[in-house]
C-alpha atoms as a PDB file:
ATOM      1  CA  UNK A   1       0.000   0.000   0.000  1.00  0.00           C
ATOM      2  CA  UNK A   2       1.767   3.209  -1.136  1.00  0.00           C
ATOM      3  CA  UNK A   3       1.759   5.765   1.700  1.00  0.00           C
ATOM      4  CA  UNK A   4       4.598   8.035   0.582  1.00  0.00           C
ATOM      5  CA  UNK A   5       2.664   9.765  -2.240  1.00  0.00           C
ATOM      6  CA  UNK A   6      -0.190  10.574   0.124  1.00  0.00           C
ATOM      7  CA  UNK A   7       2.222  11.925   2.710  1.00  0.00           C
ATOM      8  CA  UNK A   8       3.967  14.089   0.094  1.00  0.00           C
ATOM      9  CA  UNK A   9       0.647  15.491  -1.011  1.00  0.00           C
ATOM     10  CA  UNK A  10      -0.085  16.754   2.515  1.00  0.00           C
ATOM     11  CA  UNK A  11       3.463  17.696   3.572  1.00  0.00           C
ATOM     12  CA  UNK A  12       3.153  21.118   1.937  1.00  0.00           C
ATOM     13  CA  UNK A  13       0.479  22.060   4.486  1.00  0.00           C
ATOM     14  CA  UNK A  14       2.718  21.298   7.467  1.00  0.00           C
ATOM     15  CA  UNK A  15       6.013  22.778   6.307  1.00  0.00           C
ATOM     16  CA  UNK A  16       4.680  26.287   5.753  1.00  0.00           C
ATOM     17  CA  UNK A  17       6.535  28.801   7.824  1.00  0.00           C
ATOM     18  CA  UNK A  18       5.031  32.201   8.444  1.00  0.00           C
ATOM     19  CA  UNK A  19       7.422  34.989   7.532  1.00  0.00           C
ATOM     20  CA  UNK A  20       8.950  36.545  10.631  1.00  0.00           C
ATOM     21  CA  UNK A  21       7.631  39.876  11.840  1.00  0.00           C
ATOM     22  CA  UNK A  22       9.568  42.597  10.037  1.00  0.00           C
ATOM     23  CA  UNK A  23       7.636  45.653  11.110  1.00  0.00           C
ATOM     24  CA  UNK A  24       5.236  46.895  13.758  1.00  0.00           C
ATOM     25  CA  UNK A  25       2.473  49.102  12.362  1.00  0.00           C
ATOM     26  CA  UNK A  26       0.225  51.304  14.489  1.00  0.00           C
ATOM     27  CA  UNK A  27      -3.246  51.948  13.106  1.00  0.00           C
ATOM     28  CA  UNK A  28      -5.432  54.535  14.856  1.00  0.00           C
ATOM     29  CA  UNK A  29      -9.132  53.940  14.277  1.00  0.00           C
ATOM     30  CA  UNK A  30     -12.414  55.210  15.686  1.00  0.00           C
ATOM     31  CA  UNK A  31     -15.982  54.014  15.853  1.00  0.00           C
ATOM     32  CA  UNK A  32     -19.236  54.350  17.660  1.00  0.00           C
ATOM     33  CA  UNK A  33     -21.710  52.506  19.777  1.00  0.00           C
ATOM     34  CA  UNK A  34     -24.778  53.730  17.922  1.00  0.00           C
ATOM     35  CA  UNK A  35     -28.131  53.684  19.687  1.00  0.00           C
ATOM     36  CA  UNK A  36     -31.730  54.708  19.167  1.00  0.00           C
ATOM     37  CA  UNK A  37     -34.965  54.323  21.058  1.00  0.00           C
ATOM     38  CA  UNK A  38     -37.678  52.273  19.371  1.00  0.00           C
ATOM     39  CA  UNK A  39     -41.410  53.053  19.474  1.00  0.00           C
ATOM     40  CA  UNK A  40     -41.611  51.529  22.991  1.00  0.00           C
ATOM     41  CA  UNK A  41     -38.706  53.789  24.053  1.00  0.00           C
ATOM     42  CA  UNK A  42     -36.416  50.764  24.475  1.00  0.00           C
ATOM     43  CA  UNK A  43     -32.735  51.220  23.638  1.00  0.00           C
ATOM     44  CA  UNK A  44     -31.525  49.471  20.490  1.00  0.00           C
ATOM     45  CA  UNK A  45     -27.906  49.159  19.355  1.00  0.00           C
ATOM     46  CA  UNK A  46     -26.751  49.092  15.729  1.00  0.00           C
ATOM     47  CA  UNK A  47     -24.289  46.336  14.836  1.00  0.00           C
ATOM     48  CA  UNK A  48     -22.678  45.343  11.568  1.00  0.00           C
ATOM     49  CA  UNK A  49     -21.666  41.830  10.591  1.00  0.00           C
ATOM     50  CA  UNK A  50     -18.238  41.689   8.976  1.00  0.00           C
ATOM     51  CA  UNK A  51     -17.103  39.405   6.157  1.00  0.00           C
ATOM     52  CA  UNK A  52     -16.135  36.738   8.732  1.00  0.00           C
ATOM     53  CA  UNK A  53     -19.682  36.808  10.232  1.00  0.00           C
ATOM     54  CA  UNK A  54     -18.579  38.618  13.416  1.00  0.00           C
ATOM     55  CA  UNK A  55     -20.977  41.211  14.830  1.00  0.00           C
ATOM     56  CA  UNK A  56     -19.242  44.464  15.737  1.00  0.00           C
ATOM     57  CA  UNK A  57     -19.676  48.240  15.691  1.00  0.00           C
ATOM     58  CA  UNK A  58     -19.054  50.594  12.755  1.00  0.00           C
ATOM     59  CA  UNK A  59     -15.439  51.770  12.864  1.00  0.00           C
ATOM     60  CA  UNK A  60     -12.576  52.680  10.574  1.00  0.00           C
ATOM     61  CA  UNK A  61      -9.221  54.353  10.080  1.00  0.00           C
ATOM     62  CA  UNK A  62      -8.634  57.944  11.148  1.00  0.00           C
ATOM     63  CA  UNK A  63      -7.688  59.998   8.099  1.00  0.00           C
ATOM     64  CA  UNK A  64      -5.198  62.869   8.050  1.00  0.00           C
ATOM     65  CA  UNK A  65      -6.618  66.054   9.511  1.00  0.00           C
ATOM     66  CA  UNK A  66      -9.571  64.239  11.075  1.00  0.00           C
ATOM     67  CA  UNK A  67     -10.343  63.925  14.782  1.00  0.00           C
ATOM     68  CA  UNK A  68     -11.274  60.527  16.213  1.00  0.00           C
ATOM     69  CA  UNK A  69     -14.836  61.769  16.771  1.00  0.00           C
ATOM     70  CA  UNK A  70     -15.111  62.984  13.163  1.00  0.00           C
ATOM     71  CA  UNK A  71     -13.873  59.569  12.011  1.00  0.00           C
ATOM     72  CA  UNK A  72     -16.466  57.746  14.120  1.00  0.00           C
ATOM     73  CA  UNK A  73     -19.319  59.793  12.628  1.00  0.00           C
ATOM     74  CA  UNK A  74     -17.947  59.491   9.076  1.00  0.00           C
ATOM     75  CA  UNK A  75     -17.561  55.708   9.392  1.00  0.00           C
ATOM     76  CA  UNK A  76     -21.098  55.338  10.759  1.00  0.00           C
ATOM     77  CA  UNK A  77     -22.321  57.279   7.721  1.00  0.00           C
ATOM     78  CA  UNK A  78     -20.255  55.191   5.290  1.00  0.00           C
ATOM     79  CA  UNK A  79     -20.828  51.767   6.850  1.00  0.00           C
ATOM     80  CA  UNK A  80     -24.456  52.130   7.938  1.00  0.00           C
ATOM     81  CA  UNK A  81     -25.880  54.924   5.798  1.00  0.00           C
ATOM     82  CA  UNK A  82     -26.742  56.918   8.926  1.00  0.00           C
ATOM     83  CA  UNK A  83     -25.747  60.552   8.410  1.00  0.00           C
ATOM     84  CA  UNK A  84     -28.023  62.209  10.973  1.00  0.00           C
ATOM     85  CA  UNK A  85     -26.081  61.299  14.114  1.00  0.00           C
ATOM     86  CA  UNK A  86     -24.868  63.015  17.241  1.00  0.00           C
ATOM     87  CA  UNK A  87     -21.733  62.110  19.205  1.00  0.00           C
ATOM     88  CA  UNK A  88     -22.574  62.324  22.906  1.00  0.00           C
ATOM     89  CA  UNK A  89     -19.112  61.671  24.276  1.00  0.00           C
ATOM     90  CA  UNK A  90     -16.100  59.412  24.428  1.00  0.00           C
ATOM     91  CA  UNK A  91     -16.556  55.974  26.018  1.00  0.00           C
ATOM     92  CA  UNK A  92     -13.017  54.621  25.921  1.00  0.00           C
ATOM     93  CA  UNK A  93     -10.508  52.909  23.691  1.00  0.00           C
ATOM     94  CA  UNK A  94      -9.798  49.322  22.846  1.00  0.00           C
ATOM     95  CA  UNK A  95      -6.704  47.626  21.477  1.00  0.00           C
ATOM     96  CA  UNK A  96      -6.471  44.880  18.862  1.00  0.00           C
ATOM     97  CA  UNK A  97      -3.374  43.054  17.693  1.00  0.00           C
ATOM     98  CA  UNK A  98      -3.215  40.978  14.572  1.00  0.00           C
ATOM     99  CA  UNK A  99      -0.708  39.764  12.039  1.00  0.00           C
ATOM    100  CA  UNK A 100      -0.675  40.930   8.433  1.00  0.00           C
ATOM    101  CA  UNK A 101       1.859  38.729   6.607  1.00  0.00           C
ATOM    102  CA  UNK A 102       5.190  40.027   8.017  1.00  0.00           C
ATOM    103  CA  UNK A 103       3.747  42.932  10.012  1.00  0.00           C
ATOM    104  CA  UNK A 104       2.373  43.096  13.523  1.00  0.00           C
ATOM    105  CA  UNK A 105      -0.535  45.537  13.458  1.00  0.00           C
ATOM    106  CA  UNK A 106      -1.376  47.333  16.701  1.00  0.00           C
ATOM    107  CA  UNK A 107      -4.796  48.901  16.315  1.00  0.00           C
ATOM    108  CA  UNK A 108      -6.203  51.381  18.821  1.00  0.00           C
ATOM    109  CA  UNK A 109      -9.887  52.220  18.431  1.00  0.00           C
ATOM    110  CA  UNK A 110     -11.443  55.267  20.082  1.00  0.00           C
ATOM    111  CA  UNK A 111     -15.112  54.540  20.825  1.00  0.00           C
ATOM    112  CA  UNK A 112     -17.861  57.173  21.102  1.00  0.00           C
ATOM    113  CA  UNK A 113     -21.467  57.035  22.221  1.00  0.00           C
ATOM    114  CA  UNK A 114     -23.529  58.086  19.203  1.00  0.00           C
ATOM    115  CA  UNK A 115     -27.259  58.769  18.962  1.00  0.00           C
ATOM    116  CA  UNK A 116     -28.912  57.988  15.627  1.00  0.00           C
ATOM    117  CA  UNK A 117     -31.496  60.581  14.662  1.00  0.00           C
ATOM    118  CA  UNK A 118     -33.903  61.017  11.758  1.00  0.00           C
ATOM    119  CA  UNK A 119     -34.977  57.908   9.822  1.00  0.00           C
ATOM    120  CA  UNK A 120     -33.009  55.277  11.730  1.00  0.00           C
ATOM    121  CA  UNK A 121     -34.647  52.462   9.744  1.00  0.00           C
ATOM    122  CA  UNK A 122     -32.902  53.649   6.577  1.00  0.00           C
ATOM    123  CA  UNK A 123     -29.754  51.678   7.356  1.00  0.00           C
ATOM    124  CA  UNK A 124     -27.845  50.137   4.493  1.00  0.00           C
ATOM    125  CA  UNK A 125     -24.803  47.936   4.610  1.00  0.00           C
ATOM    126  CA  UNK A 126     -21.685  48.219   2.535  1.00  0.00           C
ATOM    127  CA  UNK A 127     -20.933  45.466   0.014  1.00  0.00           C
ATOM    128  CA  UNK A 128     -18.220  43.793   2.118  1.00  0.00           C
ATOM    129  CA  UNK A 129     -20.582  43.273   5.075  1.00  0.00           C
ATOM    130  CA  UNK A 130     -22.700  40.219   5.706  1.00  0.00           C
ATOM    131  CA  UNK A 131     -25.301  42.107   7.711  1.00  0.00           C
ATOM    132  CA  UNK A 132     -26.459  45.195   9.550  1.00  0.00           C
ATOM    133  CA  UNK A 133     -29.190  45.248  12.171  1.00  0.00           C
ATOM    134  CA  UNK A 134     -30.685  47.073  15.143  1.00  0.00           C
ATOM    135  CA  UNK A 135     -30.603  44.824  18.225  1.00  0.00           C
ATOM    136  CA  UNK A 136     -32.336  45.101  21.572  1.00  0.00           C
ATOM    137  CA  UNK A 137     -29.560  46.035  23.999  1.00  0.00           C
ATOM    138  CA  UNK A 138     -29.272  42.604  25.667  1.00  0.00           C
ATOM    139  CA  UNK A 139     -29.328  40.815  22.300  1.00  0.00           C
ATOM    140  CA  UNK A 140     -26.539  43.092  21.071  1.00  0.00           C
ATOM    141  CA  UNK A 141     -24.495  42.174  24.142  1.00  0.00           C
ATOM    142  CA  UNK A 142     -25.065  38.485  23.402  1.00  0.00           C
ATOM    143  CA  UNK A 143     -23.916  38.628  19.777  1.00  0.00           C
ATOM    144  CA  UNK A 144     -21.062  41.153  19.974  1.00  0.00           C
ATOM    145  CA  UNK A 145     -17.867  39.360  19.062  1.00  0.00           C
ATOM    146  CA  UNK A 146     -15.385  41.411  21.057  1.00  0.00           C
ATOM    147  CA  UNK A 147     -15.449  41.413  24.856  1.00  0.00           C
ATOM    148  CA  UNK A 148     -13.837  44.885  25.081  1.00  0.00           C
ATOM    149  CA  UNK A 149     -16.626  46.368  22.951  1.00  0.00           C
ATOM    150  CA  UNK A 150     -19.183  44.574  25.125  1.00  0.00           C
ATOM    151  CA  UNK A 151     -17.746  46.258  28.222  1.00  0.00           C
ATOM    152  CA  UNK A 152     -18.012  49.667  26.547  1.00  0.00           C
ATOM    153  CA  UNK A 153     -21.610  48.840  25.545  1.00  0.00           C
ATOM    154  CA  UNK A 154     -22.408  48.318  29.252  1.00  0.00           C
ATOM    155  CA  UNK A 155     -20.795  51.673  30.006  1.00  0.00           C
ATOM    156  CA  UNK A 156     -22.837  53.249  27.191  1.00  0.00           C
ATOM    157  CA  UNK A 157     -26.075  51.804  28.582  1.00  0.00           C
ATOM    158  CA  UNK A 158     -25.250  53.086  32.070  1.00  0.00           C
ATOM    159  CA  UNK A 159     -24.737  56.570  30.631  1.00  0.00           C
ATOM    160  CA  UNK A 160     -27.938  56.392  28.541  1.00  0.00           C
ATOM    161  CA  UNK A 161     -29.915  55.491  31.697  1.00  0.00           C
ATOM    162  CA  UNK A 162     -28.211  57.962  34.041  1.00  0.00           C
ATOM    163  CA  UNK A 163     -28.546  60.891  31.652  1.00  0.00           C
ATOM    164  CA  UNK A 164     -31.922  59.750  30.273  1.00  0.00           C
ATOM    165  CA  UNK A 165     -30.637  59.944  26.690  1.00  0.00           C
END
């Protein structure tokens, strides 16, 4: 029974070496925990589903000459189609690390509490997304993929309640 050809066919999958890290790249980003109140005055949170099916918040890279808050509002407009929004304050920042071929990317995301105004049902996802949806607060907490964002969502909800937003 010939086993060598089968082994050779699979060997290529086990001998792959990742290139060593050559560079550390810092990427400043910003985003928002976007909320609205539905007809029953319950808080709902807007989440987007990325290409890997992970639910998260709208966020993106800070461009030259732009503040983190301006970036958060711009990204919410681009990623969700919501342009009538109001930033109500900074909630905190989160850090991600990931590898991009031979680079270690250190991403810092500034997160703002953002109220959606106007026609909040007129959300539309970008092509690269798998979904976009308003969630009841507790459902949003259940599906959010990143624990750090979940903690900031709890902080956001505390502020919404305390300040009756």
